Amino acid sequence: MHAYDVYLITTLANINDYRQGQKFLSRHGDSEVIHRVTSIINRKFSSVEQDGWTHVLQTSAFYPKLNIQQKRERLDEAGHRLVRWFTLPS
């Protein structure tokens, strides 16, 4: 999956997608796949400066009329959402 695809999925999902994802994580939280995905998110998407979001910023289709600060704000919001999705409530 490409970084820009991760961004699109993150921003297009709604609250029901989040709830469904949380149920899925609670059922399969010990899965190796879930651990790998969580690791990738933490290493590449948990802050705007990481590689995953850097690749999104380099994509010409990523809001071409916005300035770099506006783009970073969009990515920061998406990053927080993505990390929240892959964190189960205590």
PDB file of N, CA and C in Angstrom:
ATOM      1  N   MET A   1       0.843  -1.169   0.000  1.00  0.00           N
ATOM      2  CA  MET A   1       0.000   0.000   0.000  1.00  0.00           C
ATOM      3  C   MET A   1       0.895   1.242   0.000  1.00  0.00           C
ATOM      4  N   HIS A   2       0.502   2.233  -0.724  1.00  0.00           N
ATOM      5  CA  HIS A   2       1.279   3.456  -0.806  1.00  0.00           C
ATOM      6  C   HIS A   2       0.857   4.422   0.291  1.00  0.00           C
ATOM      7  N   ALA A   3       1.764   5.313   0.656  1.00  0.00           N
ATOM      8  CA  ALA A   3       1.488   6.273   1.721  1.00  0.00           C
ATOM      9  C   ALA A   3       0.268   7.135   1.410  1.00  0.00           C
ATOM     10  N   TYR A   4       0.120   7.536   0.156  1.00  0.00           N
ATOM     11  CA  TYR A   4      -1.026   8.366  -0.212  1.00  0.00           C
ATOM     12  C   TYR A   4      -2.336   7.605  -0.038  1.00  0.00           C
ATOM     13  N   ASP A   5      -2.320   6.307  -0.295  1.00  0.00           N
ATOM     14  CA  ASP A   5      -3.503   5.468  -0.065  1.00  0.00           C
ATOM     15  C   ASP A   5      -3.857   5.442   1.418  1.00  0.00           C
ATOM     16  N   VAL A   6      -2.834   5.355   2.272  1.00  0.00           N
ATOM     17  CA  VAL A   6      -3.070   5.379   3.717  1.00  0.00           C
ATOM     18  C   VAL A   6      -3.753   6.688   4.092  1.00  0.00           C
ATOM     19  N   TYR A   7      -3.262   7.790   3.534  1.00  0.00           N
ATOM     20  CA  TYR A   7      -3.865   9.089   3.822  1.00  0.00           C
ATOM     21  C   TYR A   7      -5.335   9.113   3.395  1.00  0.00           C
ATOM     22  N   LEU A   8      -5.615   8.674   2.183  1.00  0.00           N
ATOM     23  CA  LEU A   8      -6.992   8.698   1.680  1.00  0.00           C
ATOM     24  C   LEU A   8      -7.929   7.854   2.536  1.00  0.00           C
ATOM     25  N   ILE A   9      -7.490   6.663   2.888  1.00  0.00           N
ATOM     26  CA  ILE A   9      -8.313   5.786   3.724  1.00  0.00           C
ATOM     27  C   ILE A   9      -8.562   6.437   5.077  1.00  0.00           C
ATOM     28  N   THR A  10      -7.527   7.027   5.634  1.00  0.00           N
ATOM     29  CA  THR A  10      -7.643   7.665   6.941  1.00  0.00           C
ATOM     30  C   THR A  10      -8.635   8.814   6.928  1.00  0.00           C
ATOM     31  N   THR A  11      -8.604   9.624   5.888  1.00  0.00           N
ATOM     32  CA  THR A  11      -9.474  10.798   5.859  1.00  0.00           C
ATOM     33  C   THR A  11     -10.895  10.489   5.397  1.00  0.00           C
ATOM     34  N   LEU A  12     -11.080   9.425   4.664  1.00  0.00           N
ATOM     35  CA  LEU A  12     -12.417   9.104   4.166  1.00  0.00           C
ATOM     36  C   LEU A  12     -13.234   8.242   5.130  1.00  0.00           C
ATOM     37  N   ALA A  13     -12.584   7.640   6.091  1.00  0.00           N
ATOM     38  CA  ALA A  13     -13.292   6.783   7.036  1.00  0.00           C
ATOM     39  C   ALA A  13     -14.151   7.624   7.976  1.00  0.00           C
ATOM     40  N   ASN A  14     -15.210   7.013   8.472  1.00  0.00           N
ATOM     41  CA  ASN A  14     -16.104   7.726   9.390  1.00  0.00           C
ATOM     42  C   ASN A  14     -16.116   7.044  10.756  1.00  0.00           C
ATOM     43  N   ILE A  15     -16.962   7.533  11.647  1.00  0.00           N
ATOM     44  CA  ILE A  15     -17.004   7.010  13.014  1.00  0.00           C
ATOM     45  C   ILE A  15     -17.393   5.537  13.061  1.00  0.00           C
ATOM     46  N   ASN A  16     -18.265   5.115  12.168  1.00  0.00           N
ATOM     47  CA  ASN A  16     -18.630   3.695  12.146  1.00  0.00           C
ATOM     48  C   ASN A  16     -17.456   2.827  11.729  1.00  0.00           C
ATOM     49  N   ASP A  17     -16.629   3.318  10.802  1.00  0.00           N
ATOM     50  CA  ASP A  17     -15.415   2.594  10.426  1.00  0.00           C
ATOM     51  C   ASP A  17     -14.487   2.464  11.629  1.00  0.00           C
ATOM     52  N   TYR A  18     -14.363   3.549  12.393  1.00  0.00           N
ATOM     53  CA  TYR A  18     -13.525   3.533  13.591  1.00  0.00           C
ATOM     54  C   TYR A  18     -14.031   2.494  14.588  1.00  0.00           C
ATOM     55  N   ARG A  19     -15.323   2.512  14.853  1.00  0.00           N
ATOM     56  CA  ARG A  19     -15.903   1.558  15.816  1.00  0.00           C
ATOM     57  C   ARG A  19     -15.712   0.116  15.362  1.00  0.00           C
ATOM     58  N   GLN A  20     -15.920  -0.104  14.095  1.00  0.00           N
ATOM     59  CA  GLN A  20     -15.726  -1.446  13.549  1.00  0.00           C
ATOM     60  C   GLN A  20     -14.255  -1.861  13.675  1.00  0.00           C
ATOM     61  N   GLY A  21     -13.365  -0.936  13.409  1.00  0.00           N
ATOM     62  CA  GLY A  21     -11.937  -1.213  13.546  1.00  0.00           C
ATOM     63  C   GLY A  21     -11.542  -1.532  14.971  1.00  0.00           C
ATOM     64  N   GLN A  22     -12.120  -0.815  15.930  1.00  0.00           N
ATOM     65  CA  GLN A  22     -11.823  -1.089  17.332  1.00  0.00           C
ATOM     66  C   GLN A  22     -12.297  -2.485  17.740  1.00  0.00           C
ATOM     67  N   LYS A  23     -13.456  -2.880  17.257  1.00  0.00           N
ATOM     68  CA  LYS A  23     -13.943  -4.239  17.534  1.00  0.00           C
ATOM     69  C   LYS A  23     -13.004  -5.277  16.936  1.00  0.00           C
ATOM     70  N   PHE A  24     -12.574  -5.010  15.712  1.00  0.00           N
ATOM     71  CA  PHE A  24     -11.645  -5.921  15.042  1.00  0.00           C
ATOM     72  C   PHE A  24     -10.345  -6.032  15.839  1.00  0.00           C
ATOM     73  N   LEU A  25      -9.799  -4.895  16.272  1.00  0.00           N
ATOM     74  CA  LEU A  25      -8.558  -4.914  17.055  1.00  0.00           C
ATOM     75  C   LEU A  25      -8.729  -5.664  18.364  1.00  0.00           C
ATOM     76  N   SER A  26      -9.860  -5.475  19.021  1.00  0.00           N
ATOM     77  CA  SER A  26     -10.049  -6.158  20.299  1.00  0.00           C
ATOM     78  C   SER A  26     -10.143  -7.675  20.114  1.00  0.00           C
ATOM     79  N   ARG A  27     -10.669  -8.114  18.968  1.00  0.00           N
ATOM     80  CA  ARG A  27     -10.751  -9.555  18.691  1.00  0.00           C
ATOM     81  C   ARG A  27      -9.415 -10.131  18.208  1.00  0.00           C
ATOM     82  N   HIS A  28      -8.639  -9.331  17.494  1.00  0.00           N
ATOM     83  CA  HIS A  28      -7.437  -9.849  16.839  1.00  0.00           C
ATOM     84  C   HIS A  28      -6.158  -9.126  17.260  1.00  0.00           C
ATOM     85  N   GLY A  29      -6.191  -8.493  18.413  1.00  0.00           N
ATOM     86  CA  GLY A  29      -5.054  -7.707  18.875  1.00  0.00           C
ATOM     87  C   GLY A  29      -3.761  -8.483  19.040  1.00  0.00           C
ATOM     88  N   ASP A  30      -3.851  -9.791  19.204  1.00  0.00           N
ATOM     89  CA  ASP A  30      -2.644 -10.593  19.366  1.00  0.00           C
ATOM     90  C   ASP A  30      -2.111 -11.121  18.031  1.00  0.00           C
ATOM     91  N   SER A  31      -2.761 -10.770  16.945  1.00  0.00           N
ATOM     92  CA  SER A  31      -2.357 -11.219  15.609  1.00  0.00           C
ATOM     93  C   SER A  31      -1.022 -10.589  15.193  1.00  0.00           C
ATOM     94  N   GLU A  32      -0.197 -11.370  14.556  1.00  0.00           N
ATOM     95  CA  GLU A  32       1.090 -10.883  14.046  1.00  0.00           C
ATOM     96  C   GLU A  32       0.880  -9.775  13.020  1.00  0.00           C
ATOM     97  N   VAL A  33      -0.143  -9.893  12.208  1.00  0.00           N
ATOM     98  CA  VAL A  33      -0.431  -8.866  11.194  1.00  0.00           C
ATOM     99  C   VAL A  33      -0.744  -7.537  11.871  1.00  0.00           C
ATOM    100  N   ILE A  34      -1.558  -7.559  12.908  1.00  0.00           N
ATOM    101  CA  ILE A  34      -1.901  -6.334  13.640  1.00  0.00           C
ATOM    102  C   ILE A  34      -0.650  -5.728  14.260  1.00  0.00           C
ATOM    103  N   HIS A  35       0.208  -6.554  14.806  1.00  0.00           N
ATOM    104  CA  HIS A  35       1.461  -6.048  15.396  1.00  0.00           C
ATOM    105  C   HIS A  35       2.343  -5.411  14.327  1.00  0.00           C
ATOM    106  N   ARG A  36       2.405  -6.014  13.151  1.00  0.00           N
ATOM    107  CA  ARG A  36       3.203  -5.442  12.062  1.00  0.00           C
ATOM    108  C   ARG A  36       2.642  -4.107  11.596  1.00  0.00           C
ATOM    109  N   VAL A  37       1.317  -4.042  11.430  1.00  0.00           N
ATOM    110  CA  VAL A  37       0.679  -2.797  11.001  1.00  0.00           C
ATOM    111  C   VAL A  37       0.903  -1.704  12.039  1.00  0.00           C
ATOM    112  N   THR A  38       0.717  -2.032  13.301  1.00  0.00           N
ATOM    113  CA  THR A  38       0.927  -1.053  14.366  1.00  0.00           C
ATOM    114  C   THR A  38       2.369  -0.562  14.356  1.00  0.00           C
ATOM    115  N   SER A  39       3.309  -1.450  14.143  1.00  0.00           N
ATOM    116  CA  SER A  39       4.714  -1.068  14.067  1.00  0.00           C
ATOM    117  C   SER A  39       4.978  -0.121  12.888  1.00  0.00           C
ATOM    118  N   ILE A  40       4.399  -0.427  11.739  1.00  0.00           N
ATOM    119  CA  ILE A  40       4.567   0.434  10.556  1.00  0.00           C
ATOM    120  C   ILE A  40       3.980   1.815  10.825  1.00  0.00           C
ATOM    121  N   ILE A  41       2.805   1.860  11.411  1.00  0.00           N
ATOM    122  CA  ILE A  41       2.178   3.146  11.718  1.00  0.00           C
ATOM    123  C   ILE A  41       3.052   3.949  12.667  1.00  0.00           C
ATOM    124  N   ASN A  42       3.556   3.308  13.703  1.00  0.00           N
ATOM    125  CA  ASN A  42       4.403   4.012  14.666  1.00  0.00           C
ATOM    126  C   ASN A  42       5.711   4.486  14.050  1.00  0.00           C
ATOM    127  N   ARG A  43       6.278   3.688  13.147  1.00  0.00           N
ATOM    128  CA  ARG A  43       7.563   4.053  12.539  1.00  0.00           C
ATOM    129  C   ARG A  43       7.437   5.036  11.383  1.00  0.00           C
ATOM    130  N   LYS A  44       6.318   5.010  10.667  1.00  0.00           N
ATOM    131  CA  LYS A  44       6.222   5.783   9.434  1.00  0.00           C
ATOM    132  C   LYS A  44       5.110   6.817   9.389  1.00  0.00           C
ATOM    133  N   PHE A  45       4.141   6.748  10.320  1.00  0.00           N
ATOM    134  CA  PHE A  45       2.977   7.624  10.206  1.00  0.00           C
ATOM    135  C   PHE A  45       2.546   8.318  11.494  1.00  0.00           C
ATOM    136  N   SER A  46       3.268   8.173  12.593  1.00  0.00           N
ATOM    137  CA  SER A  46       2.777   8.764  13.839  1.00  0.00           C
ATOM    138  C   SER A  46       3.110  10.245  13.981  1.00  0.00           C
ATOM    139  N   SER A  47       3.991  10.771  13.141  1.00  0.00           N
ATOM    140  CA  SER A  47       4.234  12.218  13.124  1.00  0.00           C
ATOM    141  C   SER A  47       4.518  12.665  11.691  1.00  0.00           C
ATOM    142  N   VAL A  48       4.276  13.930  11.429  1.00  0.00           N
ATOM    143  CA  VAL A  48       4.399  14.485  10.077  1.00  0.00           C
ATOM    144  C   VAL A  48       5.816  14.331   9.522  1.00  0.00           C
ATOM    145  N   GLU A  49       6.812  14.306  10.386  1.00  0.00           N
ATOM    146  CA  GLU A  49       8.201  14.222   9.933  1.00  0.00           C
ATOM    147  C   GLU A  49       8.626  12.825   9.483  1.00  0.00           C
ATOM    148  N   GLN A  50       7.816  11.835   9.728  1.00  0.00           N
ATOM    149  CA  GLN A  50       8.210  10.463   9.396  1.00  0.00           C
ATOM    150  C   GLN A  50       8.022  10.155   7.913  1.00  0.00           C
ATOM    151  N   ASP A  51       8.701   9.101   7.463  1.00  0.00           N
ATOM    152  CA  ASP A  51       8.766   8.734   6.045  1.00  0.00           C
ATOM    153  C   ASP A  51       7.417   8.616   5.343  1.00  0.00           C
ATOM    154  N   GLY A  52       6.452   7.991   5.995  1.00  0.00           N
ATOM    155  CA  GLY A  52       5.163   7.782   5.347  1.00  0.00           C
ATOM    156  C   GLY A  52       4.533   9.094   4.913  1.00  0.00           C
ATOM    157  N   TRP A  53       4.493  10.057   5.833  1.00  0.00           N
ATOM    158  CA  TRP A  53       3.885  11.349   5.503  1.00  0.00           C
ATOM    159  C   TRP A  53       4.767  12.167   4.572  1.00  0.00           C
ATOM    160  N   THR A  54       6.071  11.974   4.641  1.00  0.00           N
ATOM    161  CA  THR A  54       6.965  12.655   3.699  1.00  0.00           C
ATOM    162  C   THR A  54       6.638  12.238   2.278  1.00  0.00           C
ATOM    163  N   HIS A  55       6.341  10.969   2.090  1.00  0.00           N
ATOM    164  CA  HIS A  55       5.965  10.485   0.758  1.00  0.00           C
ATOM    165  C   HIS A  55       4.644  11.106   0.294  1.00  0.00           C
ATOM    166  N   VAL A  56       3.709  11.287   1.219  1.00  0.00           N
ATOM    167  CA  VAL A  56       2.443  11.930   0.860  1.00  0.00           C
ATOM    168  C   VAL A  56       2.700  13.377   0.434  1.00  0.00           C
ATOM    169  N   LEU A  57       3.534  14.090   1.192  1.00  0.00           N
ATOM    170  CA  LEU A  57       3.857  15.478   0.844  1.00  0.00           C
ATOM    171  C   LEU A  57       4.482  15.591  -0.541  1.00  0.00           C
ATOM    172  N   GLN A  58       5.206  14.583  -0.951  1.00  0.00           N
ATOM    173  CA  GLN A  58       5.873  14.608  -2.257  1.00  0.00           C
ATOM    174  C   GLN A  58       4.937  14.251  -3.410  1.00  0.00           C
ATOM    175  N   THR A  59       3.735  13.780  -3.080  1.00  0.00           N
ATOM    176  CA  THR A  59       2.782  13.398  -4.117  1.00  0.00           C
ATOM    177  C   THR A  59       2.164  14.649  -4.723  1.00  0.00           C
ATOM    178  N   SER A  60       2.245  14.790  -6.023  1.00  0.00           N
ATOM    179  CA  SER A  60       1.737  15.997  -6.679  1.00  0.00           C
ATOM    180  C   SER A  60       0.227  16.141  -6.544  1.00  0.00           C
ATOM    181  N   ALA A  61      -0.487  15.049  -6.344  1.00  0.00           N
ATOM    182  CA  ALA A  61      -1.940  15.095  -6.224  1.00  0.00           C
ATOM    183  C   ALA A  61      -2.403  15.542  -4.837  1.00  0.00           C
ATOM    184  N   PHE A  62      -1.484  15.628  -3.889  1.00  0.00           N
ATOM    185  CA  PHE A  62      -1.851  15.959  -2.516  1.00  0.00           C
ATOM    186  C   PHE A  62      -2.070  17.464  -2.364  1.00  0.00           C
ATOM    187  N   TYR A  63      -3.319  17.889  -2.528  1.00  0.00           N
ATOM    188  CA  TYR A  63      -3.711  19.288  -2.371  1.00  0.00           C
ATOM    189  C   TYR A  63      -2.708  20.256  -3.010  1.00  0.00           C
ATOM    190  N   PRO A  64      -2.606  20.239  -4.314  1.00  0.00           N
ATOM    191  CA  PRO A  64      -1.584  21.045  -4.995  1.00  0.00           C
ATOM    192  C   PRO A  64      -1.713  22.550  -4.768  1.00  0.00           C
ATOM    193  N   LYS A  65      -2.880  23.032  -4.357  1.00  0.00           N
ATOM    194  CA  LYS A  65      -3.056  24.476  -4.164  1.00  0.00           C
ATOM    195  C   LYS A  65      -2.776  24.935  -2.731  1.00  0.00           C
ATOM    196  N   LEU A  66      -2.544  23.999  -1.828  1.00  0.00           N
ATOM    197  CA  LEU A  66      -2.244  24.365  -0.446  1.00  0.00           C
ATOM    198  C   LEU A  66      -0.757  24.614  -0.275  1.00  0.00           C
ATOM    199  N   ASN A  67      -0.414  25.482   0.672  1.00  0.00           N
ATOM    200  CA  ASN A  67       1.002  25.680   0.978  1.00  0.00           C
ATOM    201  C   ASN A  67       1.476  24.556   1.899  1.00  0.00           C
ATOM    202  N   ILE A  68       2.764  24.505   2.136  1.00  0.00           N
ATOM    203  CA  ILE A  68       3.346  23.386   2.893  1.00  0.00           C
ATOM    204  C   ILE A  68       2.790  23.308   4.312  1.00  0.00           C
ATOM    205  N   GLN A  69       2.563  24.443   4.961  1.00  0.00           N
ATOM    206  CA  GLN A  69       2.015  24.429   6.323  1.00  0.00           C
ATOM    207  C   GLN A  69       0.599  23.865   6.333  1.00  0.00           C
ATOM    208  N   GLN A  70      -0.215  24.243   5.388  1.00  0.00           N
ATOM    209  CA  GLN A  70      -1.580  23.718   5.306  1.00  0.00           C
ATOM    210  C   GLN A  70      -1.568  22.213   5.052  1.00  0.00           C
ATOM    211  N   LYS A  71      -0.648  21.774   4.204  1.00  0.00           N
ATOM    212  CA  LYS A  71      -0.524  20.339   3.945  1.00  0.00           C
ATOM    213  C   LYS A  71      -0.108  19.595   5.207  1.00  0.00           C
ATOM    214  N   ARG A  72       0.845  20.157   5.925  1.00  0.00           N
ATOM    215  CA  ARG A  72       1.311  19.524   7.165  1.00  0.00           C
ATOM    216  C   ARG A  72       0.186  19.425   8.189  1.00  0.00           C
ATOM    217  N   GLU A  73      -0.671  20.435   8.248  1.00  0.00           N
ATOM    218  CA  GLU A  73      -1.803  20.394   9.168  1.00  0.00           C
ATOM    219  C   GLU A  73      -2.749  19.251   8.812  1.00  0.00           C
ATOM    220  N   ARG A  74      -2.988  19.060   7.528  1.00  0.00           N
ATOM    221  CA  ARG A  74      -3.846  17.950   7.093  1.00  0.00           C
ATOM    222  C   ARG A  74      -3.215  16.609   7.469  1.00  0.00           C
ATOM    223  N   LEU A  75      -1.903  16.503   7.276  1.00  0.00           N
ATOM    224  CA  LEU A  75      -1.213  15.253   7.598  1.00  0.00           C
ATOM    225  C   LEU A  75      -1.182  14.996   9.097  1.00  0.00           C
ATOM    226  N   ASP A  76      -1.002  16.056   9.870  1.00  0.00           N
ATOM    227  CA  ASP A  76      -0.976  15.911  11.323  1.00  0.00           C
ATOM    228  C   ASP A  76      -2.311  15.366  11.821  1.00  0.00           C
ATOM    229  N   GLU A  77      -3.392  15.901  11.302  1.00  0.00           N
ATOM    230  CA  GLU A  77      -4.725  15.421  11.670  1.00  0.00           C
ATOM    231  C   GLU A  77      -4.906  13.949  11.290  1.00  0.00           C
ATOM    232  N   ALA A  78      -4.486  13.595  10.085  1.00  0.00           N
ATOM    233  CA  ALA A  78      -4.591  12.208   9.637  1.00  0.00           C
ATOM    234  C   ALA A  78      -3.724  11.290  10.493  1.00  0.00           C
ATOM    235  N   GLY A  79      -2.536  11.751  10.851  1.00  0.00           N
ATOM    236  CA  GLY A  79      -1.644  10.949  11.682  1.00  0.00           C
ATOM    237  C   GLY A  79      -2.228  10.659  13.049  1.00  0.00           C
ATOM    238  N   HIS A  80      -2.817  11.669  13.671  1.00  0.00           N
ATOM    239  CA  HIS A  80      -3.445  11.460  14.983  1.00  0.00           C
ATOM    240  C   HIS A  80      -4.592  10.465  14.880  1.00  0.00           C
ATOM    241  N   ARG A  81      -5.354  10.577  13.826  1.00  0.00           N
ATOM    242  CA  ARG A  81      -6.487   9.667  13.622  1.00  0.00           C
ATOM    243  C   ARG A  81      -5.986   8.232  13.434  1.00  0.00           C
ATOM    244  N   LEU A  82      -4.967   8.060  12.629  1.00  0.00           N
ATOM    245  CA  LEU A  82      -4.432   6.726  12.345  1.00  0.00           C
ATOM    246  C   LEU A  82      -3.881   6.070  13.607  1.00  0.00           C
ATOM    247  N   VAL A  83      -3.123   6.813  14.390  1.00  0.00           N
ATOM    248  CA  VAL A  83      -2.571   6.265  15.636  1.00  0.00           C
ATOM    249  C   VAL A  83      -3.705   5.912  16.592  1.00  0.00           C
ATOM    250  N   ARG A  84      -4.713   6.761  16.684  1.00  0.00           N
ATOM    251  CA  ARG A  84      -5.853   6.492  17.563  1.00  0.00           C
ATOM    252  C   ARG A  84      -6.563   5.205  17.148  1.00  0.00           C
ATOM    253  N   TRP A  85      -6.699   4.989  15.837  1.00  0.00           N
ATOM    254  CA  TRP A  85      -7.361   3.776  15.354  1.00  0.00           C
ATOM    255  C   TRP A  85      -6.651   2.520  15.814  1.00  0.00           C
ATOM    256  N   PHE A  86      -5.325   2.571  15.866  1.00  0.00           N
ATOM    257  CA  PHE A  86      -4.566   1.371  16.198  1.00  0.00           C
ATOM    258  C   PHE A  86      -4.126   1.352  17.662  1.00  0.00           C
ATOM    259  N   THR A  87      -4.865   2.054  18.496  1.00  0.00           N
ATOM    260  CA  THR A  87      -4.645   2.028  19.925  1.00  0.00           C
ATOM    261  C   THR A  87      -5.949   1.621  20.584  1.00  0.00           C
ATOM    262  N   LEU A  88      -5.926   0.493  21.240  1.00  0.00           N
ATOM    263  CA  LEU A  88      -7.125   0.025  21.945  1.00  0.00           C
ATOM    264  C   LEU A  88      -7.293   0.790  23.247  1.00  0.00           C
ATOM    265  N   PRO A  89      -8.545   1.081  23.609  1.00  0.00           N
ATOM    266  CA  PRO A  89      -8.779   1.736  24.912  1.00  0.00           C
ATOM    267  C   PRO A  89      -8.322   0.822  26.049  1.00  0.00           C
ATOM    268  N   SER A  90      -7.865   1.422  27.111  1.00  0.00           N
ATOM    269  CA  SER A  90      -7.364   0.645  28.271  1.00  0.00           C
ATOM    270  C   SER A  90      -8.475  -0.048  28.993  1.00  0.00           C
TER     271      SER A  90
END
